């Protein structure tokens, strides 16, 4: 997994950040649960079901972030005349669609 370091920061309202953190905490718990299922030899189909639920939860987090990105960062940068943000957005959407 590649890590991107940037001096840019997001500007999510505290309520959105709290919502995202709660969702990610639940996902973290789901991952720990899946790991436990593997360790205790739970039936494969049951593990796959949990993986699917976890992926869906991750997709929901991505949707919240993408919504905020479009309505905040992208909108602001376009208003400033920075059309390069559109190329960046296409790369981001392509990454999300690979899943």
PDB file of N, CA and C in Angstrom:
ATOM      1  N   UNK A   1       0.851  -1.170   0.000  1.00  0.00           N
ATOM      2  CA  UNK A   1       0.000   0.000   0.000  1.00  0.00           C
ATOM      3  C   UNK A   1       0.895   1.230   0.000  1.00  0.00           C
ATOM      4  N   UNK A   2       0.584   2.185  -0.862  1.00  0.00           N
ATOM      5  CA  UNK A   2       1.397   3.382  -0.951  1.00  0.00           C
ATOM      6  C   UNK A   2       0.905   4.425   0.042  1.00  0.00           C
ATOM      7  N   UNK A   3       1.832   5.147   0.628  1.00  0.00           N
ATOM      8  CA  UNK A   3       1.495   6.211   1.545  1.00  0.00           C
ATOM      9  C   UNK A   3       1.823   7.533   0.872  1.00  0.00           C
ATOM     10  N   UNK A   4       0.868   8.419   0.884  1.00  0.00           N
ATOM     11  CA  UNK A   4       1.062   9.722   0.260  1.00  0.00           C
ATOM     12  C   UNK A   4       1.197  10.751   1.367  1.00  0.00           C
ATOM     13  N   UNK A   5       2.309  11.476   1.371  1.00  0.00           N
ATOM     14  CA  UNK A   5       2.499  12.542   2.349  1.00  0.00           C
ATOM     15  C   UNK A   5       2.197  13.851   1.657  1.00  0.00           C
ATOM     16  N   UNK A   6       1.440  14.669   2.301  1.00  0.00           N
ATOM     17  CA  UNK A   6       1.044  15.921   1.701  1.00  0.00           C
ATOM     18  C   UNK A   6       0.881  16.967   2.783  1.00  0.00           C
ATOM     19  N   UNK A   7       1.145  18.201   2.431  1.00  0.00           N
ATOM     20  CA  UNK A   7       0.947  19.278   3.387  1.00  0.00           C
ATOM     21  C   UNK A   7      -0.504  19.750   3.372  1.00  0.00           C
ATOM     22  N   UNK A   8      -1.275  19.280   2.407  1.00  0.00           N
ATOM     23  CA  UNK A   8      -2.686  19.654   2.352  1.00  0.00           C
ATOM     24  C   UNK A   8      -3.443  18.934   3.452  1.00  0.00           C
ATOM     25  N   UNK A   9      -4.474  19.551   3.948  1.00  0.00           N
ATOM     26  CA  UNK A   9      -5.292  18.952   4.997  1.00  0.00           C
ATOM     27  C   UNK A   9      -6.755  19.056   4.606  1.00  0.00           C
ATOM     28  N   UNK A  10      -7.531  18.117   5.111  1.00  0.00           N
ATOM     29  CA  UNK A  10      -8.973  18.196   4.892  1.00  0.00           C
ATOM     30  C   UNK A  10      -9.573  19.112   5.954  1.00  0.00           C
ATOM     31  N   UNK A  11     -10.763  19.556   5.683  1.00  0.00           N
ATOM     32  CA  UNK A  11     -11.429  20.486   6.584  1.00  0.00           C
ATOM     33  C   UNK A  11     -12.832  19.976   6.903  1.00  0.00           C
ATOM     34  N   UNK A  12     -12.891  18.770   7.452  1.00  0.00           N
ATOM     35  CA  UNK A  12     -14.195  18.190   7.784  1.00  0.00           C
ATOM     36  C   UNK A  12     -14.716  18.790   9.081  1.00  0.00           C
ATOM     37  N   UNK A  13     -16.018  19.030   9.139  1.00  0.00           N
ATOM     38  CA  UNK A  13     -16.602  19.460  10.404  1.00  0.00           C
ATOM     39  C   UNK A  13     -16.381  18.372  11.467  1.00  0.00           C
ATOM     40  N   UNK A  14     -16.350  18.766  12.710  1.00  0.00           N
ATOM     41  CA  UNK A  14     -16.108  17.816  13.796  1.00  0.00           C
ATOM     42  C   UNK A  14     -17.120  16.676  13.780  1.00  0.00           C
ATOM     43  N   UNK A  15     -18.376  16.976  13.430  1.00  0.00           N
ATOM     44  CA  UNK A  15     -19.406  15.927  13.407  1.00  0.00           C
ATOM     45  C   UNK A  15     -19.075  14.856  12.370  1.00  0.00           C
ATOM     46  N   UNK A  16     -18.526  15.263  11.227  1.00  0.00           N
ATOM     47  CA  UNK A  16     -18.148  14.302  10.180  1.00  0.00           C
ATOM     48  C   UNK A  16     -16.942  13.487  10.651  1.00  0.00           C
ATOM     49  N   UNK A  17     -15.958  14.159  11.253  1.00  0.00           N
ATOM     50  CA  UNK A  17     -14.787  13.450  11.756  1.00  0.00           C
ATOM     51  C   UNK A  17     -15.194  12.419  12.814  1.00  0.00           C
ATOM     52  N   UNK A  18     -16.082  12.800  13.705  1.00  0.00           N
ATOM     53  CA  UNK A  18     -16.551  11.878  14.748  1.00  0.00           C
ATOM     54  C   UNK A  18     -17.253  10.684  14.121  1.00  0.00           C
ATOM     55  N   UNK A  19     -18.111  10.946  13.137  1.00  0.00           N
ATOM     56  CA  UNK A  19     -18.815   9.880  12.426  1.00  0.00           C
ATOM     57  C   UNK A  19     -17.820   8.929  11.768  1.00  0.00           C
ATOM     58  N   UNK A  20     -16.819   9.472  11.083  1.00  0.00           N
ATOM     59  CA  UNK A  20     -15.820   8.644  10.411  1.00  0.00           C
ATOM     60  C   UNK A  20     -15.019   7.816  11.406  1.00  0.00           C
ATOM     61  N   UNK A  21     -14.639   8.419  12.507  1.00  0.00           N
ATOM     62  CA  UNK A  21     -13.873   7.693  13.529  1.00  0.00           C
ATOM     63  C   UNK A  21     -14.696   6.560  14.112  1.00  0.00           C
ATOM     64  N   UNK A  22     -15.978   6.787  14.376  1.00  0.00           N
ATOM     65  CA  UNK A  22     -16.842   5.718  14.888  1.00  0.00           C
ATOM     66  C   UNK A  22     -16.955   4.580  13.879  1.00  0.00           C
ATOM     67  N   UNK A  23     -17.140   4.935  12.611  1.00  0.00           N
ATOM     68  CA  UNK A  23     -17.232   3.905  11.570  1.00  0.00           C
ATOM     69  C   UNK A  23     -15.927   3.095  11.483  1.00  0.00           C
ATOM     70  N   UNK A  24     -14.806   3.811  11.522  1.00  0.00           N
ATOM     71  CA  UNK A  24     -13.503   3.125  11.425  1.00  0.00           C
ATOM     72  C   UNK A  24     -13.225   2.266  12.655  1.00  0.00           C
ATOM     73  N   UNK A  25     -13.668   2.697  13.814  1.00  0.00           N
ATOM     74  CA  UNK A  25     -13.520   1.869  15.014  1.00  0.00           C
ATOM     75  C   UNK A  25     -14.319   0.575  14.880  1.00  0.00           C
ATOM     76  N   UNK A  26     -15.541   0.679  14.332  1.00  0.00           N
ATOM     77  CA  UNK A  26     -16.348  -0.532  14.116  1.00  0.00           C
ATOM     78  C   UNK A  26     -15.673  -1.463  13.112  1.00  0.00           C
ATOM     79  N   UNK A  27     -15.117  -0.873  12.051  1.00  0.00           N
ATOM     80  CA  UNK A  27     -14.421  -1.671  11.039  1.00  0.00           C
ATOM     81  C   UNK A  27     -13.212  -2.355  11.662  1.00  0.00           C
ATOM     82  N   UNK A  28     -12.487  -1.632  12.480  1.00  0.00           N
ATOM     83  CA  UNK A  28     -11.330  -2.211  13.166  1.00  0.00           C
ATOM     84  C   UNK A  28     -11.758  -3.418  14.008  1.00  0.00           C
ATOM     85  N   UNK A  29     -12.890  -3.286  14.685  1.00  0.00           N
ATOM     86  CA  UNK A  29     -13.416  -4.405  15.463  1.00  0.00           C
ATOM     87  C   UNK A  29     -13.811  -5.573  14.566  1.00  0.00           C
ATOM     88  N   UNK A  30     -14.403  -5.257  13.417  1.00  0.00           N
ATOM     89  CA  UNK A  30     -14.773  -6.314  12.477  1.00  0.00           C
ATOM     90  C   UNK A  30     -13.526  -7.063  11.998  1.00  0.00           C
ATOM     91  N   UNK A  31     -12.462  -6.337  11.710  1.00  0.00           N
ATOM     92  CA  UNK A  31     -11.221  -6.967  11.248  1.00  0.00           C
ATOM     93  C   UNK A  31     -10.657  -7.884  12.335  1.00  0.00           C
ATOM     94  N   UNK A  32     -10.650  -7.400  13.567  1.00  0.00           N
ATOM     95  CA  UNK A  32     -10.180  -8.248  14.671  1.00  0.00           C
ATOM     96  C   UNK A  32     -11.041  -9.506  14.793  1.00  0.00           C
ATOM     97  N   UNK A  33     -12.347  -9.327  14.591  1.00  0.00           N
ATOM     98  CA  UNK A  33     -13.250 -10.477  14.640  1.00  0.00           C
ATOM     99  C   UNK A  33     -12.958 -11.473  13.527  1.00  0.00           C
ATOM    100  N   UNK A  34     -12.693 -10.991  12.340  1.00  0.00           N
ATOM    101  CA  UNK A  34     -12.370 -11.863  11.209  1.00  0.00           C
ATOM    102  C   UNK A  34     -11.071 -12.605  11.481  1.00  0.00           C
ATOM    103  N   UNK A  35     -10.096 -11.911  12.014  1.00  0.00           N
ATOM    104  CA  UNK A  35      -8.828 -12.556  12.360  1.00  0.00           C
ATOM    105  C   UNK A  35      -9.071 -13.689  13.351  1.00  0.00           C
ATOM    106  N   UNK A  36      -9.913 -13.440  14.335  1.00  0.00           N
ATOM    107  CA  UNK A  36     -10.256 -14.481  15.309  1.00  0.00           C
ATOM    108  C   UNK A  36     -10.968 -15.657  14.656  1.00  0.00           C
ATOM    109  N   UNK A  37     -11.806 -15.363  13.675  1.00  0.00           N
ATOM    110  CA  UNK A  37     -12.509 -16.436  12.967  1.00  0.00           C
ATOM    111  C   UNK A  37     -11.513 -17.325  12.232  1.00  0.00           C
ATOM    112  N   UNK A  38     -10.511 -16.706  11.593  1.00  0.00           N
ATOM    113  CA  UNK A  38      -9.492 -17.471  10.870  1.00  0.00           C
ATOM    114  C   UNK A  38      -8.700 -18.317  11.863  1.00  0.00           C
ATOM    115  N   UNK A  39      -8.324 -17.702  12.981  1.00  0.00           N
ATOM    116  CA  UNK A  39      -7.526 -18.414  13.985  1.00  0.00           C
ATOM    117  C   UNK A  39      -8.266 -19.610  14.580  1.00  0.00           C
ATOM    118  N   UNK A  40      -9.588 -19.532  14.643  1.00  0.00           N
ATOM    119  CA  UNK A  40     -10.360 -20.624  15.246  1.00  0.00           C
ATOM    120  C   UNK A  40     -11.024 -21.521  14.208  1.00  0.00           C
ATOM    121  N   UNK A  41     -10.566 -21.411  12.959  1.00  0.00           N
ATOM    122  CA  UNK A  41     -11.026 -22.295  11.883  1.00  0.00           C
ATOM    123  C   UNK A  41     -12.535 -22.242  11.636  1.00  0.00           C
ATOM    124  N   UNK A  42     -13.095 -21.050  11.673  1.00  0.00           N
ATOM    125  CA  UNK A  42     -14.514 -20.880  11.362  1.00  0.00           C
ATOM    126  C   UNK A  42     -14.723 -21.202   9.885  1.00  0.00           C
ATOM    127  N   UNK A  43     -15.888 -21.694   9.554  1.00  0.00           N
ATOM    128  CA  UNK A  43     -16.262 -22.078   8.191  1.00  0.00           C
ATOM    129  C   UNK A  43     -16.010 -20.914   7.226  1.00  0.00           C
ATOM    130  N   UNK A  44     -15.370 -21.215   6.107  1.00  0.00           N
ATOM    131  CA  UNK A  44     -14.939 -20.200   5.125  1.00  0.00           C
ATOM    132  C   UNK A  44     -16.064 -19.271   4.696  1.00  0.00           C
ATOM    133  N   UNK A  45     -17.236 -19.815   4.424  1.00  0.00           N
ATOM    134  CA  UNK A  45     -18.344 -19.003   3.946  1.00  0.00           C
ATOM    135  C   UNK A  45     -18.734 -17.949   4.977  1.00  0.00           C
ATOM    136  N   UNK A  46     -18.660 -18.291   6.250  1.00  0.00           N
ATOM    137  CA  UNK A  46     -18.975 -17.329   7.302  1.00  0.00           C
ATOM    138  C   UNK A  46     -17.941 -16.199   7.349  1.00  0.00           C
ATOM    139  N   UNK A  47     -16.687 -16.547   7.131  1.00  0.00           N
ATOM    140  CA  UNK A  47     -15.628 -15.535   7.103  1.00  0.00           C
ATOM    141  C   UNK A  47     -15.821 -14.616   5.899  1.00  0.00           C
ATOM    142  N   UNK A  48     -16.137 -15.193   4.759  1.00  0.00           N
ATOM    143  CA  UNK A  48     -16.361 -14.404   3.546  1.00  0.00           C
ATOM    144  C   UNK A  48     -17.527 -13.439   3.739  1.00  0.00           C
ATOM    145  N   UNK A  49     -18.567 -13.882   4.418  1.00  0.00           N
ATOM    146  CA  UNK A  49     -19.702 -13.005   4.708  1.00  0.00           C
ATOM    147  C   UNK A  49     -19.263 -11.811   5.544  1.00  0.00           C
ATOM    148  N   UNK A  50     -18.430 -12.058   6.530  1.00  0.00           N
ATOM    149  CA  UNK A  50     -17.926 -10.965   7.369  1.00  0.00           C
ATOM    150  C   UNK A  50     -16.988 -10.038   6.582  1.00  0.00           C
ATOM    151  N   UNK A  51     -16.185 -10.613   5.711  1.00  0.00           N
ATOM    152  CA  UNK A  51     -15.328  -9.796   4.856  1.00  0.00           C
ATOM    153  C   UNK A  51     -16.163  -8.884   3.964  1.00  0.00           C
ATOM    154  N   UNK A  52     -17.230  -9.405   3.428  1.00  0.00           N
ATOM    155  CA  UNK A  52     -18.112  -8.622   2.574  1.00  0.00           C
ATOM    156  C   UNK A  52     -18.740  -7.465   3.354  1.00  0.00           C
ATOM    157  N   UNK A  53     -19.170  -7.740   4.573  1.00  0.00           N
ATOM    158  CA  UNK A  53     -19.758  -6.693   5.412  1.00  0.00           C
ATOM    159  C   UNK A  53     -18.723  -5.613   5.732  1.00  0.00           C
ATOM    160  N   UNK A  54     -17.501  -6.039   5.983  1.00  0.00           N
ATOM    161  CA  UNK A  54     -16.432  -5.095   6.288  1.00  0.00           C
ATOM    162  C   UNK A  54     -16.100  -4.243   5.071  1.00  0.00           C
ATOM    163  N   UNK A  55     -16.042  -4.855   3.899  1.00  0.00           N
ATOM    164  CA  UNK A  55     -15.777  -4.099   2.672  1.00  0.00           C
ATOM    165  C   UNK A  55     -16.880  -3.079   2.431  1.00  0.00           C
ATOM    166  N   UNK A  56     -18.112  -3.461   2.686  1.00  0.00           N
ATOM    167  CA  UNK A  56     -19.229  -2.541   2.530  1.00  0.00           C
ATOM    168  C   UNK A  56     -19.089  -1.354   3.484  1.00  0.00           C
ATOM    169  N   UNK A  57     -18.657  -1.634   4.708  1.00  0.00           N
ATOM    170  CA  UNK A  57     -18.453  -0.563   5.689  1.00  0.00           C
ATOM    171  C   UNK A  57     -17.323   0.368   5.236  1.00  0.00           C
ATOM    172  N   UNK A  58     -16.254  -0.193   4.693  1.00  0.00           N
ATOM    173  CA  UNK A  58     -15.159   0.633   4.162  1.00  0.00           C
ATOM    174  C   UNK A  58     -15.633   1.489   2.990  1.00  0.00           C
ATOM    175  N   UNK A  59     -16.458   0.907   2.125  1.00  0.00           N
ATOM    176  CA  UNK A  59     -17.003   1.668   0.998  1.00  0.00           C
ATOM    177  C   UNK A  59     -17.856   2.834   1.489  1.00  0.00           C
ATOM    178  N   UNK A  60     -18.581   2.639   2.577  1.00  0.00           N
ATOM    179  CA  UNK A  60     -19.394   3.718   3.139  1.00  0.00           C
ATOM    180  C   UNK A  60     -18.520   4.862   3.645  1.00  0.00           C
ATOM    181  N   UNK A  61     -17.405   4.519   4.273  1.00  0.00           N
ATOM    182  CA  UNK A  61     -16.462   5.545   4.729  1.00  0.00           C
ATOM    183  C   UNK A  61     -15.921   6.306   3.515  1.00  0.00           C
ATOM    184  N   UNK A  62     -15.571   5.572   2.476  1.00  0.00           N
ATOM    185  CA  UNK A  62     -15.049   6.212   1.264  1.00  0.00           C
ATOM    186  C   UNK A  62     -16.081   7.158   0.657  1.00  0.00           C
ATOM    187  N   UNK A  63     -17.349   6.772   0.661  1.00  0.00           N
ATOM    188  CA  UNK A  63     -18.403   7.620   0.101  1.00  0.00           C
ATOM    189  C   UNK A  63     -18.538   8.920   0.894  1.00  0.00           C
ATOM    190  N   UNK A  64     -18.481   8.828   2.216  1.00  0.00           N
ATOM    191  CA  UNK A  64     -18.568  10.025   3.054  1.00  0.00           C
ATOM    192  C   UNK A  64     -17.389  10.954   2.750  1.00  0.00           C
ATOM    193  N   UNK A  65     -16.184  10.372   2.663  1.00  0.00           N
ATOM    194  CA  UNK A  65     -14.999  11.178   2.369  1.00  0.00           C
ATOM    195  C   UNK A  65     -15.067  11.789   0.975  1.00  0.00           C
ATOM    196  N   UNK A  66     -15.499  11.018  -0.006  1.00  0.00           N
ATOM    197  CA  UNK A  66     -15.587  11.525  -1.375  1.00  0.00           C
ATOM    198  C   UNK A  66     -16.609  12.656  -1.464  1.00  0.00           C
ATOM    199  N   UNK A  67     -17.723  12.511  -0.785  1.00  0.00           N
ATOM    200  CA  UNK A  67     -18.746  13.551  -0.765  1.00  0.00           C
ATOM    201  C   UNK A  67     -18.170  14.855  -0.215  1.00  0.00           C
ATOM    202  N   UNK A  68     -17.485  14.755   0.917  1.00  0.00           N
ATOM    203  CA  UNK A  68     -16.878  15.941   1.511  1.00  0.00           C
ATOM    204  C   UNK A  68     -15.792  16.525   0.623  1.00  0.00           C
ATOM    205  N   UNK A  69     -15.030  15.649  -0.024  1.00  0.00           N
ATOM    206  CA  UNK A  69     -13.952  16.097  -0.907  1.00  0.00           C
ATOM    207  C   UNK A  69     -14.522  16.885  -2.088  1.00  0.00           C
ATOM    208  N   UNK A  70     -15.580  16.356  -2.687  1.00  0.00           N
ATOM    209  CA  UNK A  70     -16.196  17.033  -3.833  1.00  0.00           C
ATOM    210  C   UNK A  70     -16.801  18.380  -3.439  1.00  0.00           C
ATOM    211  N   UNK A  71     -17.541  18.382  -2.336  1.00  0.00           N
ATOM    212  CA  UNK A  71     -18.257  19.592  -1.924  1.00  0.00           C
ATOM    213  C   UNK A  71     -17.350  20.616  -1.250  1.00  0.00           C
ATOM    214  N   UNK A  72     -16.174  20.182  -0.827  1.00  0.00           N
ATOM    215  CA  UNK A  72     -15.249  21.080  -0.150  1.00  0.00           C
ATOM    216  C   UNK A  72     -14.021  21.351  -0.985  1.00  0.00           C
ATOM    217  N   UNK A  73     -13.057  20.456  -0.892  1.00  0.00           N
ATOM    218  CA  UNK A  73     -11.743  20.652  -1.535  1.00  0.00           C
ATOM    219  C   UNK A  73     -11.843  20.894  -3.038  1.00  0.00           C
ATOM    220  N   UNK A  74     -12.541  20.027  -3.742  1.00  0.00           N
ATOM    221  CA  UNK A  74     -12.613  20.133  -5.206  1.00  0.00           C
ATOM    222  C   UNK A  74     -13.321  21.424  -5.600  1.00  0.00           C
ATOM    223  N   UNK A  75     -14.438  21.703  -4.964  1.00  0.00           N
ATOM    224  CA  UNK A  75     -15.198  22.922  -5.265  1.00  0.00           C
ATOM    225  C   UNK A  75     -14.335  24.168  -5.037  1.00  0.00           C
ATOM    226  N   UNK A  76     -13.623  24.203  -3.909  1.00  0.00           N
ATOM    227  CA  UNK A  76     -12.770  25.356  -3.590  1.00  0.00           C
ATOM    228  C   UNK A  76     -11.636  25.507  -4.603  1.00  0.00           C
ATOM    229  N   UNK A  77     -10.991  24.411  -4.933  1.00  0.00           N
ATOM    230  CA  UNK A  77      -9.864  24.485  -5.864  1.00  0.00           C
ATOM    231  C   UNK A  77     -10.322  24.895  -7.267  1.00  0.00           C
ATOM    232  N   UNK A  78     -11.489  24.405  -7.679  1.00  0.00           N
ATOM    233  CA  UNK A  78     -12.023  24.827  -8.975  1.00  0.00           C
ATOM    234  C   UNK A  78     -12.347  26.322  -8.956  1.00  0.00           C
ATOM    235  N   UNK A  79     -12.917  26.798  -7.860  1.00  0.00           N
ATOM    236  CA  UNK A  79     -13.241  28.223  -7.738  1.00  0.00           C
ATOM    237  C   UNK A  79     -11.976  29.081  -7.811  1.00  0.00           C
ATOM    238  N   UNK A  80     -10.848  28.510  -7.367  1.00  0.00           N
ATOM    239  CA  UNK A  80      -9.567  29.213  -7.430  1.00  0.00           C
ATOM    240  C   UNK A  80      -8.907  29.081  -8.803  1.00  0.00           C
ATOM    241  N   UNK A  81      -9.556  28.338  -9.708  1.00  0.00           N
ATOM    242  CA  UNK A  81      -9.020  28.161 -11.047  1.00  0.00           C
ATOM    243  C   UNK A  81      -8.074  26.983 -11.189  1.00  0.00           C
ATOM    244  N   UNK A  82      -7.980  26.159 -10.174  1.00  0.00           N
ATOM    245  CA  UNK A  82      -7.075  25.000 -10.177  1.00  0.00           C
ATOM    246  C   UNK A  82      -7.782  23.802 -10.804  1.00  0.00           C
ATOM    247  N   UNK A  83      -7.682  23.672 -12.134  1.00  0.00           N
ATOM    248  CA  UNK A  83      -8.360  22.576 -12.831  1.00  0.00           C
ATOM    249  C   UNK A  83      -7.605  21.253 -12.711  1.00  0.00           C
ATOM    250  N   UNK A  84      -6.366  21.283 -12.204  1.00  0.00           N
ATOM    251  CA  UNK A  84      -5.613  20.043 -11.996  1.00  0.00           C
ATOM    252  C   UNK A  84      -6.310  19.138 -10.987  1.00  0.00           C
ATOM    253  N   UNK A  85      -7.158  19.724 -10.159  1.00  0.00           N
ATOM    254  CA  UNK A  85      -7.888  18.937  -9.169  1.00  0.00           C
ATOM    255  C   UNK A  85      -8.780  17.900  -9.859  1.00  0.00           C
ATOM    256  N   UNK A  86      -9.203  18.176 -11.084  1.00  0.00           N
ATOM    257  CA  UNK A  86     -10.037  17.212 -11.803  1.00  0.00           C
ATOM    258  C   UNK A  86      -9.261  15.950 -12.157  1.00  0.00           C
ATOM    259  N   UNK A  87      -8.011  16.110 -12.572  1.00  0.00           N
ATOM    260  CA  UNK A  87      -7.167  14.942 -12.855  1.00  0.00           C
ATOM    261  C   UNK A  87      -6.941  14.137 -11.579  1.00  0.00           C
ATOM    262  N   UNK A  88      -6.678  14.853 -10.489  1.00  0.00           N
ATOM    263  CA  UNK A  88      -6.486  14.191  -9.198  1.00  0.00           C
ATOM    264  C   UNK A  88      -7.739  13.415  -8.801  1.00  0.00           C
ATOM    265  N   UNK A  89      -8.901  14.022  -9.024  1.00  0.00           N
ATOM    266  CA  UNK A  89     -10.170  13.378  -8.703  1.00  0.00           C
ATOM    267  C   UNK A  89     -10.379  12.114  -9.530  1.00  0.00           C
ATOM    268  N   UNK A  90     -10.038  12.169 -10.808  1.00  0.00           N
ATOM    269  CA  UNK A  90     -10.175  10.982 -11.654  1.00  0.00           C
ATOM    270  C   UNK A  90      -9.288   9.838 -11.167  1.00  0.00           C
ATOM    271  N   UNK A  91      -8.081  10.157 -10.739  1.00  0.00           N
ATOM    272  CA  UNK A  91      -7.184   9.133 -10.184  1.00  0.00           C
ATOM    273  C   UNK A  91      -7.803   8.532  -8.930  1.00  0.00           C
ATOM    274  N   UNK A  92      -8.349   9.379  -8.079  1.00  0.00           N
ATOM    275  CA  UNK A  92      -8.967   8.912  -6.837  1.00  0.00           C
ATOM    276  C   UNK A  92     -10.148   7.998  -7.120  1.00  0.00           C
ATOM    277  N   UNK A  93     -11.002   8.407  -8.053  1.00  0.00           N
ATOM    278  CA  UNK A  93     -12.177   7.585  -8.388  1.00  0.00           C
ATOM    279  C   UNK A  93     -11.739   6.260  -9.008  1.00  0.00           C
ATOM    280  N   UNK A  94     -10.702   6.280  -9.834  1.00  0.00           N
ATOM    281  CA  UNK A  94     -10.184   5.047 -10.423  1.00  0.00           C
ATOM    282  C   UNK A  94      -9.706   4.099  -9.323  1.00  0.00           C
ATOM    283  N   UNK A  95      -9.026   4.625  -8.324  1.00  0.00           N
ATOM    284  CA  UNK A  95      -8.567   3.788  -7.204  1.00  0.00           C
ATOM    285  C   UNK A  95      -9.757   3.168  -6.479  1.00  0.00           C
ATOM    286  N   UNK A  96     -10.807   3.938  -6.277  1.00  0.00           N
ATOM    287  CA  UNK A  96     -11.995   3.416  -5.583  1.00  0.00           C
ATOM    288  C   UNK A  96     -12.696   2.342  -6.411  1.00  0.00           C
ATOM    289  N   UNK A  97     -12.674   2.499  -7.728  1.00  0.00           N
ATOM    290  CA  UNK A  97     -13.376   1.547  -8.594  1.00  0.00           C
ATOM    291  C   UNK A  97     -12.641   0.216  -8.745  1.00  0.00           C
ATOM    292  N   UNK A  98     -11.372   0.175  -8.391  1.00  0.00           N
ATOM    293  CA  UNK A  98     -10.601  -1.071  -8.501  1.00  0.00           C
ATOM    294  C   UNK A  98     -11.086  -2.150  -7.546  1.00  0.00           C
ATOM    295  N   UNK A  99     -11.822  -1.748  -6.563  1.00  0.00           N
ATOM    296  CA  UNK A  99     -12.216  -2.685  -5.507  1.00  0.00           C
ATOM    297  C   UNK A  99     -13.317  -3.599  -5.927  1.00  0.00           C
TER     298      UNK A  99
END
